[in-house]
N, C-alpha and C. Protein backbone atom coordinates (compact mmCIF):
# COMPACT_ATOMS: atom_id res chain seq x y z
N MET A 1 0.64 4.52 -12.67
CA MET A 1 -0.19 3.36 -12.46
C MET A 1 -1.66 3.74 -12.44
N GLY A 2 -2.04 4.74 -11.66
CA GLY A 2 -3.43 5.16 -11.69
C GLY A 2 -4.11 5.10 -10.34
N LEU A 3 -5.41 4.86 -10.39
CA LEU A 3 -6.27 4.89 -9.22
C LEU A 3 -6.54 3.47 -8.74
N PHE A 4 -6.33 3.22 -7.45
CA PHE A 4 -6.53 1.90 -6.87
C PHE A 4 -7.56 1.98 -5.77
N SER A 5 -8.45 0.99 -5.72
CA SER A 5 -9.49 0.94 -4.69
C SER A 5 -9.13 -0.10 -3.65
N PHE A 6 -9.47 0.21 -2.40
CA PHE A 6 -9.20 -0.68 -1.28
C PHE A 6 -10.45 -0.75 -0.42
N LEU A 7 -10.54 -1.77 0.44
CA LEU A 7 -11.63 -1.85 1.39
C LEU A 7 -11.36 -0.86 2.51
N LYS A 8 -12.22 0.12 2.65
CA LYS A 8 -12.01 1.20 3.61
C LYS A 8 -11.91 0.69 5.05
N LYS A 9 -12.63 -0.37 5.37
CA LYS A 9 -12.66 -0.84 6.76
C LYS A 9 -11.60 -1.89 7.06
N ALA A 10 -10.86 -2.35 6.05
CA ALA A 10 -9.81 -3.35 6.29
C ALA A 10 -8.48 -2.64 6.40
N GLY A 11 -7.56 -3.23 7.14
CA GLY A 11 -6.21 -2.69 7.22
C GLY A 11 -5.83 -2.27 8.61
N SER A 12 -4.59 -1.77 8.71
CA SER A 12 -4.11 -1.32 10.02
C SER A 12 -4.85 -0.06 10.42
N LYS A 13 -5.16 0.04 11.69
CA LYS A 13 -5.99 1.13 12.20
C LYS A 13 -5.12 2.25 12.74
N LEU A 14 -4.76 3.18 11.86
CA LEU A 14 -3.94 4.32 12.27
C LEU A 14 -4.80 5.49 12.73
N PHE A 15 -6.00 5.59 12.16
CA PHE A 15 -6.85 6.74 12.43
C PHE A 15 -7.87 6.40 13.52
N SER A 16 -8.71 7.38 13.86
CA SER A 16 -9.77 7.17 14.85
C SER A 16 -10.62 5.97 14.46
N LYS A 17 -11.18 5.31 15.46
CA LYS A 17 -11.90 4.07 15.21
C LYS A 17 -13.25 4.25 14.53
N ASN A 18 -13.89 5.39 14.70
CA ASN A 18 -15.19 5.57 14.06
C ASN A 18 -15.41 7.04 13.71
N GLU A 19 -16.42 7.26 12.91
CA GLU A 19 -16.71 8.62 12.45
C GLU A 19 -17.03 9.57 13.60
N ALA A 20 -17.76 9.08 14.62
CA ALA A 20 -18.11 9.95 15.75
C ALA A 20 -16.86 10.42 16.47
N GLU A 21 -15.89 9.53 16.61
CA GLU A 21 -14.64 9.90 17.25
C GLU A 21 -13.90 10.93 16.41
N ARG A 22 -13.93 10.77 15.09
CA ARG A 22 -13.29 11.74 14.21
C ARG A 22 -13.96 13.10 14.31
N GLU A 23 -15.29 13.09 14.37
CA GLU A 23 -16.04 14.35 14.49
C GLU A 23 -15.65 15.07 15.77
N SER A 24 -15.57 14.33 16.89
CA SER A 24 -15.25 14.99 18.16
C SER A 24 -13.82 15.53 18.14
N THR A 25 -12.92 14.87 17.42
CA THR A 25 -11.54 15.35 17.32
C THR A 25 -11.50 16.71 16.62
N THR A 26 -12.28 16.85 15.56
CA THR A 26 -12.22 18.10 14.81
C THR A 26 -13.06 19.20 15.45
N THR A 27 -13.98 18.83 16.33
CA THR A 27 -14.80 19.87 16.94
C THR A 27 -14.32 20.23 18.34
N ASN A 28 -13.38 19.49 18.88
CA ASN A 28 -12.87 19.80 20.23
C ASN A 28 -11.68 20.74 20.17
N GLY A 29 -11.74 21.71 19.32
CA GLY A 29 -10.70 22.72 19.28
C GLY A 29 -9.57 22.43 18.32
N ILE A 30 -9.56 21.26 17.68
CA ILE A 30 -8.50 20.96 16.71
C ILE A 30 -9.06 21.26 15.32
N PRO A 31 -8.48 22.23 14.64
CA PRO A 31 -8.97 22.54 13.30
C PRO A 31 -8.87 21.33 12.37
N GLU A 32 -9.79 21.22 11.45
CA GLU A 32 -9.83 20.08 10.52
C GLU A 32 -8.51 19.94 9.75
N GLU A 33 -7.89 21.07 9.40
CA GLU A 33 -6.62 21.02 8.66
C GLU A 33 -5.53 20.35 9.49
N VAL A 34 -5.54 20.60 10.80
CA VAL A 34 -4.53 20.00 11.68
C VAL A 34 -4.77 18.49 11.78
N ALA A 35 -6.03 18.08 11.93
CA ALA A 35 -6.35 16.66 12.00
C ALA A 35 -5.94 15.97 10.69
N GLU A 36 -6.18 16.63 9.57
CA GLU A 36 -5.79 16.08 8.28
C GLU A 36 -4.27 15.96 8.17
N GLU A 37 -3.55 16.96 8.66
CA GLU A 37 -2.08 16.92 8.64
C GLU A 37 -1.57 15.79 9.52
N GLN A 38 -2.24 15.54 10.65
CA GLN A 38 -1.84 14.43 11.52
C GLN A 38 -2.02 13.09 10.78
N LYS A 39 -3.10 12.95 10.05
CA LYS A 39 -3.33 11.72 9.28
C LYS A 39 -2.25 11.56 8.21
N LEU A 40 -1.91 12.65 7.53
CA LEU A 40 -0.86 12.59 6.52
C LEU A 40 0.48 12.20 7.14
N ASN A 41 0.77 12.72 8.33
CA ASN A 41 2.01 12.35 9.03
C ASN A 41 2.03 10.87 9.37
N LEU A 42 0.88 10.33 9.78
CA LEU A 42 0.79 8.89 10.05
C LEU A 42 1.03 8.08 8.79
N LEU A 43 0.47 8.53 7.67
CA LEU A 43 0.67 7.83 6.39
C LEU A 43 2.14 7.91 5.96
N ARG A 44 2.77 9.06 6.17
CA ARG A 44 4.21 9.19 5.86
C ARG A 44 5.02 8.20 6.70
N GLY A 45 4.60 8.02 7.95
CA GLY A 45 5.27 7.05 8.83
C GLY A 45 5.14 5.63 8.29
N VAL A 46 3.99 5.31 7.73
CA VAL A 46 3.78 3.99 7.13
C VAL A 46 4.75 3.80 5.97
N VAL A 47 4.88 4.82 5.12
CA VAL A 47 5.80 4.75 3.98
C VAL A 47 7.23 4.65 4.48
N ASP A 48 7.60 5.45 5.48
CA ASP A 48 8.96 5.41 6.03
C ASP A 48 9.30 4.03 6.59
N SER A 49 8.31 3.37 7.19
CA SER A 49 8.57 2.06 7.80
C SER A 49 8.89 0.98 6.77
N LEU A 50 8.59 1.24 5.51
CA LEU A 50 8.90 0.27 4.46
C LEU A 50 10.40 0.18 4.18
N GLY A 51 11.10 1.26 4.44
CA GLY A 51 12.53 1.27 4.19
C GLY A 51 12.89 1.36 2.72
N VAL A 52 11.96 1.81 1.88
CA VAL A 52 12.25 1.97 0.46
C VAL A 52 12.63 3.41 0.18
N LYS A 53 13.45 3.60 -0.84
CA LYS A 53 13.85 4.96 -1.20
C LYS A 53 12.74 5.61 -2.01
N VAL A 54 12.29 6.74 -1.52
CA VAL A 54 11.31 7.54 -2.25
C VAL A 54 11.75 8.99 -2.11
N TYR A 55 11.77 9.69 -3.23
CA TYR A 55 12.23 11.07 -3.26
C TYR A 55 11.04 11.98 -3.49
N ASN A 56 11.08 13.14 -2.84
CA ASN A 56 10.04 14.16 -3.01
C ASN A 56 8.65 13.61 -2.71
N LEU A 57 8.55 12.79 -1.67
CA LEU A 57 7.26 12.22 -1.29
C LEU A 57 6.30 13.33 -0.88
N ASP A 58 5.12 13.30 -1.44
CA ASP A 58 4.08 14.24 -1.07
C ASP A 58 2.76 13.50 -1.18
N MET A 59 1.83 13.83 -0.28
CA MET A 59 0.51 13.21 -0.30
C MET A 59 -0.55 14.25 -0.06
N GLU A 60 -1.68 14.03 -0.67
CA GLU A 60 -2.86 14.85 -0.44
C GLU A 60 -3.97 13.93 0.03
N LEU A 61 -4.70 14.37 1.05
CA LEU A 61 -5.79 13.58 1.61
C LEU A 61 -7.09 14.31 1.39
N ALA A 62 -8.06 13.62 0.82
CA ALA A 62 -9.39 14.19 0.62
C ALA A 62 -10.40 13.13 1.08
N GLY A 63 -10.82 13.23 2.33
CA GLY A 63 -11.73 12.22 2.88
C GLY A 63 -11.01 10.89 3.01
N ASP A 64 -11.50 9.89 2.27
CA ASP A 64 -10.89 8.56 2.33
C ASP A 64 -10.00 8.28 1.12
N ALA A 65 -9.64 9.34 0.38
CA ALA A 65 -8.80 9.20 -0.81
C ALA A 65 -7.46 9.88 -0.60
N VAL A 66 -6.39 9.19 -1.01
CA VAL A 66 -5.04 9.74 -0.90
C VAL A 66 -4.45 9.81 -2.30
N THR A 67 -3.85 10.95 -2.64
CA THR A 67 -3.07 11.07 -3.86
C THR A 67 -1.62 11.14 -3.43
N VAL A 68 -0.78 10.28 -4.02
CA VAL A 68 0.62 10.20 -3.62
C VAL A 68 1.52 10.56 -4.80
N TYR A 69 2.51 11.42 -4.51
CA TYR A 69 3.47 11.89 -5.51
C TYR A 69 4.87 11.55 -5.03
N GLY A 70 5.80 11.44 -5.94
CA GLY A 70 7.20 11.22 -5.60
C GLY A 70 7.88 10.40 -6.67
N GLN A 71 9.14 10.08 -6.43
CA GLN A 71 9.91 9.27 -7.36
C GLN A 71 10.53 8.10 -6.59
N THR A 72 10.53 6.94 -7.24
CA THR A 72 11.19 5.76 -6.69
C THR A 72 12.16 5.24 -7.74
N GLU A 73 13.04 4.36 -7.29
CA GLU A 73 14.01 3.79 -8.21
C GLU A 73 13.52 2.50 -8.85
N SER A 74 12.41 1.93 -8.35
CA SER A 74 11.92 0.69 -8.94
C SER A 74 10.41 0.62 -8.91
N GLN A 75 9.88 -0.15 -9.84
CA GLN A 75 8.44 -0.39 -9.91
C GLN A 75 7.98 -1.08 -8.63
N SER A 76 8.79 -1.99 -8.14
CA SER A 76 8.47 -2.73 -6.92
C SER A 76 8.29 -1.78 -5.74
N ASP A 77 9.19 -0.81 -5.57
CA ASP A 77 9.08 0.15 -4.47
C ASP A 77 7.81 0.99 -4.61
N LYS A 78 7.51 1.39 -5.82
CA LYS A 78 6.32 2.19 -6.08
C LYS A 78 5.06 1.41 -5.67
N GLU A 79 5.00 0.14 -6.07
CA GLU A 79 3.84 -0.68 -5.74
C GLU A 79 3.72 -0.91 -4.24
N LYS A 80 4.85 -1.10 -3.55
CA LYS A 80 4.82 -1.28 -2.10
C LYS A 80 4.26 -0.05 -1.40
N ILE A 81 4.62 1.12 -1.87
CA ILE A 81 4.13 2.36 -1.26
C ILE A 81 2.62 2.48 -1.44
N VAL A 82 2.13 2.21 -2.64
CA VAL A 82 0.69 2.28 -2.90
C VAL A 82 -0.05 1.31 -1.99
N LEU A 83 0.45 0.09 -1.88
CA LEU A 83 -0.22 -0.92 -1.05
C LEU A 83 -0.15 -0.58 0.43
N ALA A 84 0.97 -0.07 0.89
CA ALA A 84 1.10 0.27 2.31
C ALA A 84 0.08 1.35 2.69
N ILE A 85 -0.09 2.33 1.83
CA ILE A 85 -1.06 3.40 2.09
C ILE A 85 -2.48 2.85 1.99
N GLY A 86 -2.75 2.08 0.96
CA GLY A 86 -4.10 1.56 0.73
C GLY A 86 -4.54 0.54 1.77
N ASN A 87 -3.59 -0.14 2.40
CA ASN A 87 -3.93 -1.13 3.41
C ASN A 87 -4.05 -0.53 4.81
N VAL A 88 -4.35 0.76 4.88
CA VAL A 88 -4.64 1.43 6.15
C VAL A 88 -6.16 1.58 6.23
N ALA A 89 -6.72 1.15 7.35
CA ALA A 89 -8.17 1.30 7.55
C ALA A 89 -8.54 2.77 7.42
N GLY A 90 -9.62 3.04 6.69
CA GLY A 90 -10.07 4.41 6.48
C GLY A 90 -9.66 4.96 5.13
N ILE A 91 -8.78 4.26 4.43
CA ILE A 91 -8.36 4.69 3.09
C ILE A 91 -9.06 3.80 2.06
N ALA A 92 -9.86 4.41 1.19
CA ALA A 92 -10.60 3.65 0.19
C ALA A 92 -9.94 3.68 -1.18
N THR A 93 -9.24 4.78 -1.50
CA THR A 93 -8.59 4.86 -2.81
C THR A 93 -7.22 5.52 -2.69
N VAL A 94 -6.31 5.07 -3.55
CA VAL A 94 -4.99 5.69 -3.64
C VAL A 94 -4.80 6.05 -5.11
N ASP A 95 -4.58 7.33 -5.36
CA ASP A 95 -4.29 7.82 -6.71
C ASP A 95 -2.78 7.92 -6.83
N ASP A 96 -2.20 7.00 -7.58
CA ASP A 96 -0.75 6.91 -7.73
C ASP A 96 -0.27 7.87 -8.80
N ARG A 97 0.48 8.87 -8.39
CA ARG A 97 1.07 9.83 -9.32
C ARG A 97 2.60 9.78 -9.23
N MET A 98 3.13 8.67 -8.73
CA MET A 98 4.57 8.54 -8.57
C MET A 98 5.24 8.17 -9.89
N ILE A 99 6.52 8.46 -9.95
CA ILE A 99 7.32 8.20 -11.14
C ILE A 99 8.44 7.25 -10.76
N VAL A 100 8.70 6.27 -11.63
CA VAL A 100 9.84 5.38 -11.43
C VAL A 100 10.98 5.93 -12.27
N GLU A 101 12.07 6.29 -11.60
CA GLU A 101 13.23 6.82 -12.31
C GLU A 101 14.37 5.84 -12.17
N ALA A 102 14.94 5.46 -13.29
CA ALA A 102 16.08 4.55 -13.26
C ALA A 102 17.28 5.28 -12.67
N PRO A 103 18.02 4.62 -11.78
CA PRO A 103 19.20 5.27 -11.22
C PRO A 103 20.23 5.55 -12.31
N GLU A 104 21.08 6.55 -12.06
CA GLU A 104 22.10 6.91 -13.04
C GLU A 104 22.94 5.71 -13.42
N GLY A 105 23.24 5.58 -14.71
CA GLY A 105 24.08 4.49 -15.20
C GLY A 105 23.33 3.19 -15.42
N ALA A 106 22.07 3.12 -14.99
CA ALA A 106 21.31 1.88 -15.18
C ALA A 106 20.76 1.82 -16.59
N GLU A 107 20.75 0.63 -17.12
CA GLU A 107 20.16 0.45 -18.45
C GLU A 107 18.65 0.52 -18.31
N THR A 108 18.02 1.03 -19.33
CA THR A 108 16.56 1.09 -19.29
C THR A 108 16.01 -0.25 -19.75
N THR A 109 15.19 -0.84 -18.90
CA THR A 109 14.55 -2.11 -19.25
C THR A 109 13.08 -1.98 -18.93
N THR A 110 12.31 -2.79 -19.58
CA THR A 110 10.88 -2.79 -19.32
C THR A 110 10.62 -3.66 -18.10
N VAL A 111 9.91 -3.11 -17.13
CA VAL A 111 9.59 -3.85 -15.92
C VAL A 111 8.10 -4.13 -15.92
N ASP A 112 7.76 -5.41 -15.78
CA ASP A 112 6.35 -5.76 -15.71
C ASP A 112 5.79 -5.32 -14.37
N GLU A 113 4.61 -4.73 -14.42
CA GLU A 113 3.95 -4.35 -13.18
C GLU A 113 3.38 -5.60 -12.53
N SER A 114 3.33 -5.58 -11.22
CA SER A 114 2.73 -6.68 -10.48
C SER A 114 1.22 -6.59 -10.60
N GLN A 115 0.57 -7.71 -10.36
CA GLN A 115 -0.88 -7.72 -10.21
C GLN A 115 -1.16 -7.42 -8.74
N PHE A 116 -2.34 -6.95 -8.45
CA PHE A 116 -2.75 -6.78 -7.06
C PHE A 116 -3.84 -7.81 -6.80
N TYR A 117 -3.85 -8.36 -5.61
CA TYR A 117 -4.82 -9.40 -5.25
C TYR A 117 -5.42 -9.06 -3.89
N GLU A 118 -6.74 -9.06 -3.82
CA GLU A 118 -7.43 -8.82 -2.55
C GLU A 118 -7.66 -10.15 -1.86
N VAL A 119 -7.13 -10.28 -0.65
CA VAL A 119 -7.24 -11.51 0.13
C VAL A 119 -8.71 -11.76 0.47
N GLN A 120 -9.15 -13.00 0.23
CA GLN A 120 -10.52 -13.42 0.55
C GLN A 120 -10.50 -14.28 1.81
N LYS A 121 -11.66 -14.42 2.44
CA LYS A 121 -11.77 -15.28 3.62
C LYS A 121 -11.34 -16.69 3.23
N GLY A 122 -10.48 -17.29 4.03
CA GLY A 122 -10.01 -18.64 3.77
C GLY A 122 -8.74 -18.71 2.93
N ASP A 123 -8.27 -17.57 2.45
CA ASP A 123 -7.04 -17.55 1.65
C ASP A 123 -5.81 -17.69 2.54
N TYR A 124 -4.78 -18.26 1.98
CA TYR A 124 -3.45 -18.29 2.56
C TYR A 124 -2.50 -18.21 1.38
N LEU A 125 -1.25 -17.88 1.62
CA LEU A 125 -0.34 -17.56 0.52
C LEU A 125 -0.18 -18.70 -0.49
N SER A 126 -0.09 -19.94 -0.02
CA SER A 126 0.08 -21.03 -1.00
C SER A 126 -1.18 -21.23 -1.84
N LYS A 127 -2.33 -20.97 -1.27
CA LYS A 127 -3.59 -21.06 -2.03
C LYS A 127 -3.64 -19.96 -3.10
N ILE A 128 -3.19 -18.76 -2.72
CA ILE A 128 -3.13 -17.65 -3.68
C ILE A 128 -2.12 -17.97 -4.78
N ALA A 129 -0.95 -18.52 -4.40
CA ALA A 129 0.07 -18.89 -5.39
C ALA A 129 -0.48 -19.92 -6.37
N LYS A 130 -1.25 -20.86 -5.87
CA LYS A 130 -1.87 -21.88 -6.75
C LYS A 130 -2.81 -21.21 -7.75
N LYS A 131 -3.61 -20.22 -7.26
CA LYS A 131 -4.55 -19.51 -8.14
C LYS A 131 -3.83 -18.73 -9.23
N VAL A 132 -2.81 -17.97 -8.85
CA VAL A 132 -2.19 -17.04 -9.80
C VAL A 132 -1.04 -17.63 -10.60
N TYR A 133 -0.30 -18.56 -9.99
CA TYR A 133 0.87 -19.14 -10.67
C TYR A 133 0.65 -20.59 -11.09
N GLY A 134 -0.38 -21.23 -10.52
CA GLY A 134 -0.60 -22.64 -10.81
C GLY A 134 0.28 -23.55 -9.97
N ASP A 135 0.99 -23.00 -8.99
CA ASP A 135 1.91 -23.79 -8.17
C ASP A 135 1.91 -23.22 -6.75
N PRO A 136 1.39 -23.99 -5.78
CA PRO A 136 1.34 -23.47 -4.41
C PRO A 136 2.72 -23.25 -3.79
N MET A 137 3.73 -23.91 -4.32
CA MET A 137 5.08 -23.76 -3.76
C MET A 137 5.75 -22.44 -4.16
N LYS A 138 5.07 -21.63 -4.96
CA LYS A 138 5.60 -20.32 -5.36
C LYS A 138 5.20 -19.22 -4.37
N TYR A 139 4.58 -19.62 -3.24
CA TYR A 139 4.13 -18.62 -2.28
C TYR A 139 5.27 -17.74 -1.74
N PRO A 140 6.54 -18.22 -1.64
CA PRO A 140 7.59 -17.31 -1.16
C PRO A 140 7.77 -16.07 -2.04
N ALA A 141 7.48 -16.19 -3.33
CA ALA A 141 7.59 -15.02 -4.22
C ALA A 141 6.60 -13.94 -3.79
N ILE A 142 5.41 -14.35 -3.41
CA ILE A 142 4.38 -13.40 -2.96
C ILE A 142 4.80 -12.81 -1.61
N PHE A 143 5.27 -13.67 -0.72
CA PHE A 143 5.71 -13.20 0.60
C PHE A 143 6.83 -12.18 0.47
N GLU A 144 7.85 -12.49 -0.31
CA GLU A 144 9.00 -11.59 -0.50
C GLU A 144 8.57 -10.27 -1.13
N ALA A 145 7.63 -10.32 -2.06
CA ALA A 145 7.18 -9.11 -2.75
C ALA A 145 6.41 -8.18 -1.82
N ASN A 146 5.93 -8.70 -0.71
CA ASN A 146 5.11 -7.90 0.20
C ASN A 146 5.81 -7.57 1.52
N LYS A 147 7.10 -7.88 1.60
CA LYS A 147 7.88 -7.46 2.77
C LYS A 147 8.18 -5.98 2.65
N PRO A 148 8.25 -5.23 3.65
CA PRO A 148 8.09 -5.54 5.06
C PRO A 148 6.65 -5.43 5.54
N MET A 149 5.71 -5.18 4.62
CA MET A 149 4.30 -5.10 5.03
C MET A 149 3.89 -6.42 5.69
N LEU A 150 4.32 -7.55 5.12
CA LEU A 150 4.06 -8.85 5.73
C LEU A 150 5.29 -9.26 6.54
N LYS A 151 5.06 -9.61 7.76
CA LYS A 151 6.14 -10.06 8.64
C LYS A 151 6.17 -11.59 8.73
N ASP A 152 5.03 -12.23 8.44
CA ASP A 152 4.89 -13.67 8.56
C ASP A 152 3.96 -14.14 7.43
N PRO A 153 4.32 -15.19 6.70
CA PRO A 153 3.47 -15.64 5.59
C PRO A 153 2.09 -16.13 6.04
N ASP A 154 1.93 -16.42 7.33
CA ASP A 154 0.64 -16.90 7.82
C ASP A 154 -0.26 -15.78 8.33
N LEU A 155 0.23 -14.54 8.32
CA LEU A 155 -0.55 -13.43 8.88
C LEU A 155 -1.07 -12.51 7.79
N ILE A 156 -2.09 -12.99 7.09
CA ILE A 156 -2.80 -12.15 6.12
C ILE A 156 -4.25 -12.13 6.53
N TYR A 157 -5.00 -11.15 6.05
CA TYR A 157 -6.39 -11.01 6.48
C TYR A 157 -7.28 -10.64 5.30
N PRO A 158 -8.57 -11.02 5.35
CA PRO A 158 -9.49 -10.68 4.27
C PRO A 158 -9.56 -9.16 4.07
N GLY A 159 -9.52 -8.76 2.83
CA GLY A 159 -9.57 -7.34 2.48
C GLY A 159 -8.20 -6.74 2.24
N GLN A 160 -7.15 -7.40 2.74
CA GLN A 160 -5.79 -6.92 2.51
C GLN A 160 -5.46 -7.08 1.02
N VAL A 161 -4.74 -6.13 0.48
CA VAL A 161 -4.34 -6.19 -0.92
C VAL A 161 -2.85 -6.49 -0.96
N LEU A 162 -2.50 -7.51 -1.76
CA LEU A 162 -1.11 -7.97 -1.87
C LEU A 162 -0.59 -7.77 -3.28
N ARG A 163 0.73 -7.59 -3.39
CA ARG A 163 1.42 -7.56 -4.69
C ARG A 163 1.63 -8.98 -5.14
N ILE A 164 1.33 -9.26 -6.39
CA ILE A 164 1.62 -10.56 -6.98
C ILE A 164 2.59 -10.27 -8.12
N PRO A 165 3.89 -10.49 -7.86
CA PRO A 165 4.89 -10.13 -8.88
C PRO A 165 4.88 -11.12 -10.04
N PRO A 166 5.29 -10.65 -11.21
CA PRO A 166 5.43 -11.60 -12.32
C PRO A 166 6.60 -12.53 -12.01
N LEU A 167 6.46 -13.79 -12.37
CA LEU A 167 7.57 -14.72 -12.16
C LEU A 167 8.58 -14.58 -13.29
N ASN A 168 9.84 -14.59 -12.92
CA ASN A 168 10.88 -14.55 -13.94
C ASN A 168 10.95 -15.90 -14.63
N ALA A 169 10.94 -15.86 -15.94
CA ALA A 169 10.94 -17.12 -16.70
C ALA A 169 12.25 -17.84 -16.61
């Protein structure tokens, strides 16, 4: 898929709240590599909480950029992983290096990639569905595509990036 940009200050707050706090963490006897490994462990926890199958998951963190490697069985799972990582406060870019591998015995079919949509102030899922699909009643497709990241269709926030799946004809 490639490189995706996110709002660094939007998202769930897994890391220290500000740069000064991060500085004190790395200078109070905790080596920078250990602090970085702790951040990577938190990001792995975010991926694990999705409940999607990912094999050989590996991540590299460089400042506010994450490169993610691994294999998934579906395009949908791959996109969910990218979004879950990117929707963490403090992460500005996700470089997707994951591979989608069809499970054994599955026929190879072309899967359309989802669009990504950044939530704006005043947006709600039916308004977004109206913009992208032309029908506000298609909002459940967006909600389902973003589970388990979204727990409630009414709980979205500006700066959050959502998957907008292609509608099946």
